[in-house]
Amino acid sequence: ITSGHSINYADSVKGRFTISRDDAKNTVYL
């Protein structure tokens, strides 16, 4: 996930995994 919140997934995880980020906490989640 970019700083502009553009997202890219591997084909094998699309629809099952979700990436997100909390910029206030400098944290990324999966």
PDB file of all heavy atoms in Angstrom:
ATOM      1  N   ILE A   1       0.860  -1.179   0.000  1.00  0.00           N
ATOM      2  CA  ILE A   1       0.000   0.000   0.000  1.00  0.00           C
ATOM      3  C   ILE A   1       0.896   1.229   0.000  1.00  0.00           C
ATOM      4  O   ILE A   1       1.842   1.330   0.795  1.00  0.00           O
ATOM      5  CB  ILE A   1      -0.961  -0.025   1.216  1.00  0.00           C
ATOM      6  CG1 ILE A   1      -1.885   1.187   1.205  1.00  0.00           C
ATOM      7  CG2 ILE A   1      -0.209  -0.131   2.537  1.00  0.00           C
ATOM      8  CD1 ILE A   1      -3.046   1.085   2.214  1.00  0.00           C
ATOM      9  N   THR A   2       0.611   2.154  -0.891  1.00  0.00           N
ATOM     10  CA  THR A   2       1.434   3.354  -0.993  1.00  0.00           C
ATOM     11  C   THR A   2       0.954   4.421  -0.014  1.00  0.00           C
ATOM     12  O   THR A   2      -0.082   4.270   0.645  1.00  0.00           O
ATOM     13  CB  THR A   2       1.374   3.930  -2.411  1.00  0.00           C
ATOM     14  OG1 THR A   2       0.052   4.443  -2.639  1.00  0.00           O
ATOM     15  CG2 THR A   2       1.697   2.863  -3.453  1.00  0.00           C
ATOM     16  N   SER A   3       1.697   5.509   0.049  1.00  0.00           N
ATOM     17  CA  SER A   3       1.290   6.612   0.915  1.00  0.00           C
ATOM     18  C   SER A   3      -0.025   7.218   0.454  1.00  0.00           C
ATOM     19  O   SER A   3      -0.753   7.806   1.253  1.00  0.00           O
ATOM     20  CB  SER A   3       2.380   7.682   0.948  1.00  0.00           C
ATOM     21  OG  SER A   3       2.655   8.149  -0.357  1.00  0.00           O
ATOM     22  N   GLY A   4      -0.345   7.062  -0.822  1.00  0.00           N
ATOM     23  CA  GLY A   4      -1.623   7.524  -1.346  1.00  0.00           C
ATOM     24  C   GLY A   4      -2.711   6.465  -1.239  1.00  0.00           C
ATOM     25  O   GLY A   4      -3.808   6.652  -1.764  1.00  0.00           O
ATOM     26  N   HIS A   5      -2.379   5.368  -0.578  1.00  0.00           N
ATOM     27  CA  HIS A   5      -3.309   4.266  -0.318  1.00  0.00           C
ATOM     28  C   HIS A   5      -3.698   3.506  -1.581  1.00  0.00           C
ATOM     29  O   HIS A   5      -4.761   2.885  -1.633  1.00  0.00           O
ATOM     30  CB  HIS A   5      -4.532   4.730   0.476  1.00  0.00           C
ATOM     31  CG  HIS A   5      -4.209   5.117   1.885  1.00  0.00           C
ATOM     32  ND1 HIS A   5      -4.944   4.686   2.977  1.00  0.00           N
ATOM     33  CD2 HIS A   5      -3.224   5.881   2.393  1.00  0.00           C
ATOM     34  CE1 HIS A   5      -4.417   5.187   4.081  1.00  0.00           C
ATOM     35  NE2 HIS A   5      -3.364   5.927   3.760  1.00  0.00           N
ATOM     36  N   SER A   6      -2.843   3.544  -2.585  1.00  0.00           N
ATOM     37  CA  SER A   6      -3.002   2.619  -3.704  1.00  0.00           C
ATOM     38  C   SER A   6      -2.531   1.247  -3.241  1.00  0.00           C
ATOM     39  O   SER A   6      -1.513   1.137  -2.543  1.00  0.00           O
ATOM     40  CB  SER A   6      -2.170   3.077  -4.897  1.00  0.00           C
ATOM     41  OG  SER A   6      -2.662   4.292  -5.398  1.00  0.00           O
ATOM     42  N   ILE A   7      -3.245   0.214  -3.657  1.00  0.00           N
ATOM     43  CA  ILE A   7      -3.010  -1.128  -3.120  1.00  0.00           C
ATOM     44  C   ILE A   7      -2.739  -2.125  -4.243  1.00  0.00           C
ATOM     45  O   ILE A   7      -3.363  -2.054  -5.316  1.00  0.00           O
ATOM     46  CB  ILE A   7      -4.215  -1.586  -2.274  1.00  0.00           C
ATOM     47  CG1 ILE A   7      -4.293  -0.748  -0.981  1.00  0.00           C
ATOM     48  CG2 ILE A   7      -4.128  -3.064  -1.947  1.00  0.00           C
ATOM     49  CD1 ILE A   7      -5.542  -1.014  -0.177  1.00  0.00           C
ATOM     50  N   ASN A   8      -1.853  -3.046  -3.950  1.00  0.00           N
ATOM     51  CA  ASN A   8      -1.530  -4.124  -4.869  1.00  0.00           C
ATOM     52  C   ASN A   8      -1.516  -5.435  -4.094  1.00  0.00           C
ATOM     53  O   ASN A   8      -0.953  -5.490  -2.988  1.00  0.00           O
ATOM     54  CB  ASN A   8      -0.151  -3.865  -5.493  1.00  0.00           C
ATOM     55  CG  ASN A   8       0.241  -4.923  -6.489  1.00  0.00           C
ATOM     56  OD1 ASN A   8      -0.577  -5.374  -7.263  1.00  0.00           O
ATOM     57  ND2 ASN A   8       1.500  -5.318  -6.459  1.00  0.00           N
ATOM     58  N   TYR A   9      -2.137  -6.465  -4.649  1.00  0.00           N
ATOM     59  CA  TYR A   9      -2.170  -7.783  -4.017  1.00  0.00           C
ATOM     60  C   TYR A   9      -1.585  -8.846  -4.946  1.00  0.00           C
ATOM     61  O   TYR A   9      -1.728  -8.772  -6.167  1.00  0.00           O
ATOM     62  CB  TYR A   9      -3.607  -8.206  -3.692  1.00  0.00           C
ATOM     63  CG  TYR A   9      -4.295  -7.420  -2.623  1.00  0.00           C
ATOM     64  CD1 TYR A   9      -5.294  -6.501  -2.938  1.00  0.00           C
ATOM     65  CD2 TYR A   9      -3.970  -7.599  -1.281  1.00  0.00           C
ATOM     66  CE1 TYR A   9      -5.945  -5.777  -1.956  1.00  0.00           C
ATOM     67  CE2 TYR A   9      -4.610  -6.873  -0.291  1.00  0.00           C
ATOM     68  CZ  TYR A   9      -5.598  -5.971  -0.631  1.00  0.00           C
ATOM     69  OH  TYR A   9      -6.233  -5.257   0.352  1.00  0.00           O
ATOM     70  N   ALA A  10      -0.998  -9.851  -4.350  1.00  0.00           N
ATOM     71  CA  ALA A  10      -0.652 -11.040  -5.107  1.00  0.00           C
ATOM     72  C   ALA A  10      -1.948 -11.724  -5.524  1.00  0.00           C
ATOM     73  O   ALA A  10      -2.937 -11.714  -4.782  1.00  0.00           O
ATOM     74  CB  ALA A  10       0.194 -11.993  -4.263  1.00  0.00           C
ATOM     75  N   ASP A  11      -1.950 -12.321  -6.704  1.00  0.00           N
ATOM     76  CA  ASP A  11      -3.166 -12.981  -7.191  1.00  0.00           C
ATOM     77  C   ASP A  11      -3.665 -14.051  -6.213  1.00  0.00           C
ATOM     78  O   ASP A  11      -4.868 -14.245  -6.058  1.00  0.00           O
ATOM     79  CB  ASP A  11      -2.901 -13.621  -8.550  1.00  0.00           C
ATOM     80  CG  ASP A  11      -2.764 -12.585  -9.658  1.00  0.00           C
ATOM     81  OD1 ASP A  11      -3.200 -11.428  -9.463  1.00  0.00           O
ATOM     82  OD2 ASP A  11      -2.211 -12.929 -10.722  1.00  0.00           O
ATOM     83  N   SER A  12      -2.748 -14.705  -5.556  1.00  0.00           N
ATOM     84  CA  SER A  12      -3.108 -15.822  -4.680  1.00  0.00           C
ATOM     85  C   SER A  12      -3.868 -15.392  -3.427  1.00  0.00           C
ATOM     86  O   SER A  12      -4.476 -16.234  -2.756  1.00  0.00           O
ATOM     87  CB  SER A  12      -1.851 -16.588  -4.274  1.00  0.00           C
ATOM     88  OG  SER A  12      -0.957 -15.736  -3.579  1.00  0.00           O
ATOM     89  N   VAL A  13      -3.831 -14.095  -3.103  1.00  0.00           N
ATOM     90  CA  VAL A  13      -4.501 -13.644  -1.878  1.00  0.00           C
ATOM     91  C   VAL A  13      -5.651 -12.684  -2.147  1.00  0.00           C
ATOM     92  O   VAL A  13      -6.355 -12.289  -1.215  1.00  0.00           O
ATOM     93  CB  VAL A  13      -3.500 -12.990  -0.902  1.00  0.00           C
ATOM     94  CG1 VAL A  13      -2.325 -13.913  -0.635  1.00  0.00           C
ATOM     95  CG2 VAL A  13      -3.023 -11.634  -1.391  1.00  0.00           C
ATOM     96  N   LYS A  14      -5.855 -12.320  -3.402  1.00  0.00           N
ATOM     97  CA  LYS A  14      -6.942 -11.391  -3.727  1.00  0.00           C
ATOM     98  C   LYS A  14      -8.281 -11.945  -3.270  1.00  0.00           C
ATOM     99  O   LYS A  14      -8.589 -13.109  -3.471  1.00  0.00           O
ATOM    100  CB  LYS A  14      -6.973 -11.129  -5.233  1.00  0.00           C
ATOM    101  CG  LYS A  14      -5.881 -10.199  -5.722  1.00  0.00           C
ATOM    102  CD  LYS A  14      -5.968  -9.990  -7.234  1.00  0.00           C
ATOM    103  CE  LYS A  14      -4.867  -9.058  -7.708  1.00  0.00           C
ATOM    104  NZ  LYS A  14      -4.881  -8.893  -9.174  1.00  0.00           N
ATOM    105  N   GLY A  15      -9.059 -11.085  -2.635  1.00  0.00           N
ATOM    106  CA  GLY A  15     -10.366 -11.492  -2.145  1.00  0.00           C
ATOM    107  C   GLY A  15     -10.336 -12.129  -0.760  1.00  0.00           C
ATOM    108  O   GLY A  15     -11.387 -12.325  -0.148  1.00  0.00           O
ATOM    109  N   ARG A  16      -9.130 -12.460  -0.264  1.00  0.00           N
ATOM    110  CA  ARG A  16      -9.022 -13.081   1.056  1.00  0.00           C
ATOM    111  C   ARG A  16      -8.247 -12.207   2.037  1.00  0.00           C
ATOM    112  O   ARG A  16      -8.556 -12.197   3.227  1.00  0.00           O
ATOM    113  CB  ARG A  16      -8.320 -14.439   0.941  1.00  0.00           C
ATOM    114  CG  ARG A  16      -9.020 -15.435   0.056  1.00  0.00           C
ATOM    115  CD  ARG A  16      -8.358 -16.807   0.131  1.00  0.00           C
ATOM    116  NE  ARG A  16      -6.957 -16.776  -0.319  1.00  0.00           N
ATOM    117  CZ  ARG A  16      -5.928 -17.146   0.428  1.00  0.00           C
ATOM    118  NH1 ARG A  16      -6.104 -17.556   1.669  1.00  0.00           N
ATOM    119  NH2 ARG A  16      -4.680 -17.095  -0.063  1.00  0.00           N
ATOM    120  N   PHE A  17      -7.251 -11.489   1.541  1.00  0.00           N
ATOM    121  CA  PHE A  17      -6.417 -10.644   2.395  1.00  0.00           C
ATOM    122  C   PHE A  17      -6.734  -9.174   2.143  1.00  0.00           C
ATOM    123  O   PHE A  17      -7.062  -8.784   1.021  1.00  0.00           O
ATOM    124  CB  PHE A  17      -4.935 -10.867   2.104  1.00  0.00           C
ATOM    125  CG  PHE A  17      -4.386 -12.208   2.512  1.00  0.00           C
ATOM    126  CD1 PHE A  17      -5.209 -13.249   2.916  1.00  0.00           C
ATOM    127  CD2 PHE A  17      -3.021 -12.427   2.500  1.00  0.00           C
ATOM    128  CE1 PHE A  17      -4.707 -14.477   3.290  1.00  0.00           C
ATOM    129  CE2 PHE A  17      -2.482 -13.653   2.872  1.00  0.00           C
ATOM    130  CZ  PHE A  17      -3.338 -14.682   3.267  1.00  0.00           C
ATOM    131  N   THR A  18      -6.614  -8.385   3.187  1.00  0.00           N
ATOM    132  CA  THR A  18      -6.804  -6.945   3.072  1.00  0.00           C
ATOM    133  C   THR A  18      -5.665  -6.225   3.773  1.00  0.00           C
ATOM    134  O   THR A  18      -5.394  -6.489   4.953  1.00  0.00           O
ATOM    135  CB  THR A  18      -8.132  -6.509   3.706  1.00  0.00           C
ATOM    136  OG1 THR A  18      -9.218  -7.201   3.076  1.00  0.00           O
ATOM    137  CG2 THR A  18      -8.340  -5.007   3.546  1.00  0.00           C
ATOM    138  N   ILE A  19      -5.009  -5.346   3.052  1.00  0.00           N
ATOM    139  CA  ILE A  19      -3.950  -4.530   3.642  1.00  0.00           C
ATOM    140  C   ILE A  19      -4.506  -3.139   3.926  1.00  0.00           C
ATOM    141  O   ILE A  19      -5.325  -2.623   3.166  1.00  0.00           O
ATOM    142  CB  ILE A  19      -2.718  -4.450   2.714  1.00  0.00           C
ATOM    143  CG1 ILE A  19      -1.543  -3.782   3.445  1.00  0.00           C
ATOM    144  CG2 ILE A  19      -3.044  -3.735   1.410  1.00  0.00           C
ATOM    145  CD1 ILE A  19      -0.224  -3.864   2.664  1.00  0.00           C
ATOM    146  N   SER A  20      -4.074  -2.575   5.043  1.00  0.00           N
ATOM    147  CA  SER A  20      -4.475  -1.212   5.389  1.00  0.00           C
ATOM    148  C   SER A  20      -3.354  -0.575   6.191  1.00  0.00           C
ATOM    149  O   SER A  20      -2.438  -1.266   6.653  1.00  0.00           O
ATOM    150  CB  SER A  20      -5.784  -1.220   6.193  1.00  0.00           C
ATOM    151  OG  SER A  20      -5.622  -1.922   7.417  1.00  0.00           O
ATOM    152  N   ARG A  21      -3.426   0.725   6.344  1.00  0.00           N
ATOM    153  CA  ARG A  21      -2.413   1.426   7.126  1.00  0.00           C
ATOM    154  C   ARG A  21      -3.038   2.540   7.925  1.00  0.00           C
ATOM    155  O   ARG A  21      -4.032   3.140   7.501  1.00  0.00           O
ATOM    156  CB  ARG A  21      -1.282   1.962   6.239  1.00  0.00           C
ATOM    157  CG  ARG A  21      -1.701   2.945   5.191  1.00  0.00           C
ATOM    158  CD  ARG A  21      -0.577   3.220   4.193  1.00  0.00           C
ATOM    159  NE  ARG A  21       0.448   4.108   4.720  1.00  0.00           N
ATOM    160  CZ  ARG A  21       1.592   4.386   4.096  1.00  0.00           C
ATOM    161  NH1 ARG A  21       1.853   3.798   2.926  1.00  0.00           N
ATOM    162  NH2 ARG A  21       2.480   5.215   4.625  1.00  0.00           N
ATOM    163  N   ASP A  22      -2.451   2.797   9.074  1.00  0.00           N
ATOM    164  CA  ASP A  22      -2.858   3.902   9.926  1.00  0.00           C
ATOM    165  C   ASP A  22      -1.656   4.834  10.004  1.00  0.00           C
ATOM    166  O   ASP A  22      -0.691   4.555  10.731  1.00  0.00           O
ATOM    167  CB  ASP A  22      -3.247   3.385  11.311  1.00  0.00           C
ATOM    168  CG  ASP A  22      -3.766   4.476  12.226  1.00  0.00           C
ATOM    169  OD1 ASP A  22      -3.422   5.664  12.008  1.00  0.00           O
ATOM    170  OD2 ASP A  22      -4.515   4.160  13.160  1.00  0.00           O
ATOM    171  N   ASP A  23      -1.689   5.900   9.245  1.00  0.00           N
ATOM    172  CA  ASP A  23      -0.536   6.785   9.164  1.00  0.00           C
ATOM    173  C   ASP A  23      -0.273   7.523  10.484  1.00  0.00           C
ATOM    174  O   ASP A  23       0.870   7.879  10.775  1.00  0.00           O
ATOM    175  CB  ASP A  23      -0.724   7.788   8.026  1.00  0.00           C
ATOM    176  CG  ASP A  23      -0.703   7.102   6.662  1.00  0.00           C
ATOM    177  OD1 ASP A  23       0.032   6.112   6.515  1.00  0.00           O
ATOM    178  OD2 ASP A  23      -1.430   7.557   5.754  1.00  0.00           O
ATOM    179  N   ALA A  24      -1.299   7.727  11.273  1.00  0.00           N
ATOM    180  CA  ALA A  24      -1.112   8.380  12.572  1.00  0.00           C
ATOM    181  C   ALA A  24      -0.298   7.491  13.516  1.00  0.00           C
ATOM    182  O   ALA A  24       0.387   7.992  14.406  1.00  0.00           O
ATOM    183  CB  ALA A  24      -2.456   8.712  13.189  1.00  0.00           C
ATOM    184  N   LYS A  25      -0.396   6.188  13.308  1.00  0.00           N
ATOM    185  CA  LYS A  25       0.326   5.236  14.148  1.00  0.00           C
ATOM    186  C   LYS A  25       1.533   4.627  13.450  1.00  0.00           C
ATOM    187  O   LYS A  25       2.206   3.763  14.019  1.00  0.00           O
ATOM    188  CB  LYS A  25      -0.621   4.108  14.589  1.00  0.00           C
ATOM    189  CG  LYS A  25      -1.781   4.585  15.457  1.00  0.00           C
ATOM    190  CD  LYS A  25      -2.662   3.412  15.867  1.00  0.00           C
ATOM    191  CE  LYS A  25      -3.801   3.873  16.761  1.00  0.00           C
ATOM    192  NZ  LYS A  25      -4.685   2.741  17.149  1.00  0.00           N
ATOM    193  N   ASN A  26       1.803   5.045  12.224  1.00  0.00           N
ATOM    194  CA  ASN A  26       2.907   4.467  11.449  1.00  0.00           C
ATOM    195  C   ASN A  26       2.822   2.942  11.409  1.00  0.00           C
ATOM    196  O   ASN A  26       3.828   2.243  11.581  1.00  0.00           O
ATOM    197  CB  ASN A  26       4.270   4.904  12.012  1.00  0.00           C
ATOM    198  CG  ASN A  26       4.515   6.387  11.845  1.00  0.00           C
ATOM    199  OD1 ASN A  26       4.046   7.004  10.885  1.00  0.00           O
ATOM    200  ND2 ASN A  26       5.246   6.972  12.779  1.00  0.00           N
ATOM    201  N   THR A  27       1.636   2.455  11.191  1.00  0.00           N
ATOM    202  CA  THR A  27       1.376   1.013  11.275  1.00  0.00           C
ATOM    203  C   THR A  27       0.673   0.522  10.021  1.00  0.00           C
ATOM    204  O   THR A  27      -0.221   1.204   9.499  1.00  0.00           O
ATOM    205  CB  THR A  27       0.528   0.701  12.512  1.00  0.00           C
ATOM    206  OG1 THR A  27       1.242   1.108  13.694  1.00  0.00           O
ATOM    207  CG2 THR A  27       0.225  -0.781  12.611  1.00  0.00           C
ATOM    208  N   VAL A  28       1.073  -0.654   9.588  1.00  0.00           N
ATOM    209  CA  VAL A  28       0.409  -1.318   8.478  1.00  0.00           C
ATOM    210  C   VAL A  28      -0.144  -2.643   8.989  1.00  0.00           C
ATOM    211  O   VAL A  28       0.443  -3.287   9.853  1.00  0.00           O
ATOM    212  CB  VAL A  28       1.377  -1.547   7.292  1.00  0.00           C
ATOM    213  CG1 VAL A  28       2.537  -2.443   7.660  1.00  0.00           C
ATOM    214  CG2 VAL A  28       0.637  -2.070   6.076  1.00  0.00           C
ATOM    215  N   TYR A  29      -1.303  -3.008   8.464  1.00  0.00           N
ATOM    216  CA  TYR A  29      -1.991  -4.220   8.892  1.00  0.00           C
ATOM    217  C   TYR A  29      -2.219  -5.148   7.701  1.00  0.00           C
ATOM    218  O   TYR A  29      -2.318  -4.696   6.558  1.00  0.00           O
ATOM    219  CB  TYR A  29      -3.355  -3.879   9.499  1.00  0.00           C
ATOM    220  CG  TYR A  29      -3.302  -2.903  10.642  1.00  0.00           C
ATOM    221  CD1 TYR A  29      -3.525  -1.545  10.423  1.00  0.00           C
ATOM    222  CD2 TYR A  29      -3.028  -3.333  11.935  1.00  0.00           C
ATOM    223  CE1 TYR A  29      -3.483  -0.632  11.475  1.00  0.00           C
ATOM    224  CE2 TYR A  29      -2.978  -2.422  12.991  1.00  0.00           C
ATOM    225  CZ  TYR A  29      -3.210  -1.084  12.754  1.00  0.00           C
ATOM    226  OH  TYR A  29      -3.156  -0.190  13.793  1.00  0.00           O
ATOM    227  N   LEU A  30      -2.328  -6.414   8.009  1.00  0.00           N
ATOM    228  CA  LEU A  30      -2.720  -7.385   6.996  1.00  0.00           C
ATOM    229  C   LEU A  30      -3.777  -8.291   7.615  1.00  0.00           C
ATOM    230  O   LEU A  30      -3.489  -9.070   8.517  1.00  0.00           O
ATOM    231  CB  LEU A  30      -1.520  -8.215   6.524  1.00  0.00           C
ATOM    232  CG  LEU A  30      -1.813  -9.168   5.370  1.00  0.00           C
ATOM    233  CD1 LEU A  30      -2.111  -8.370   4.085  1.00  0.00           C
ATOM    234  CD2 LEU A  30      -0.643 -10.119   5.133  1.00  0.00           C
TER     235      LEU A  30
END
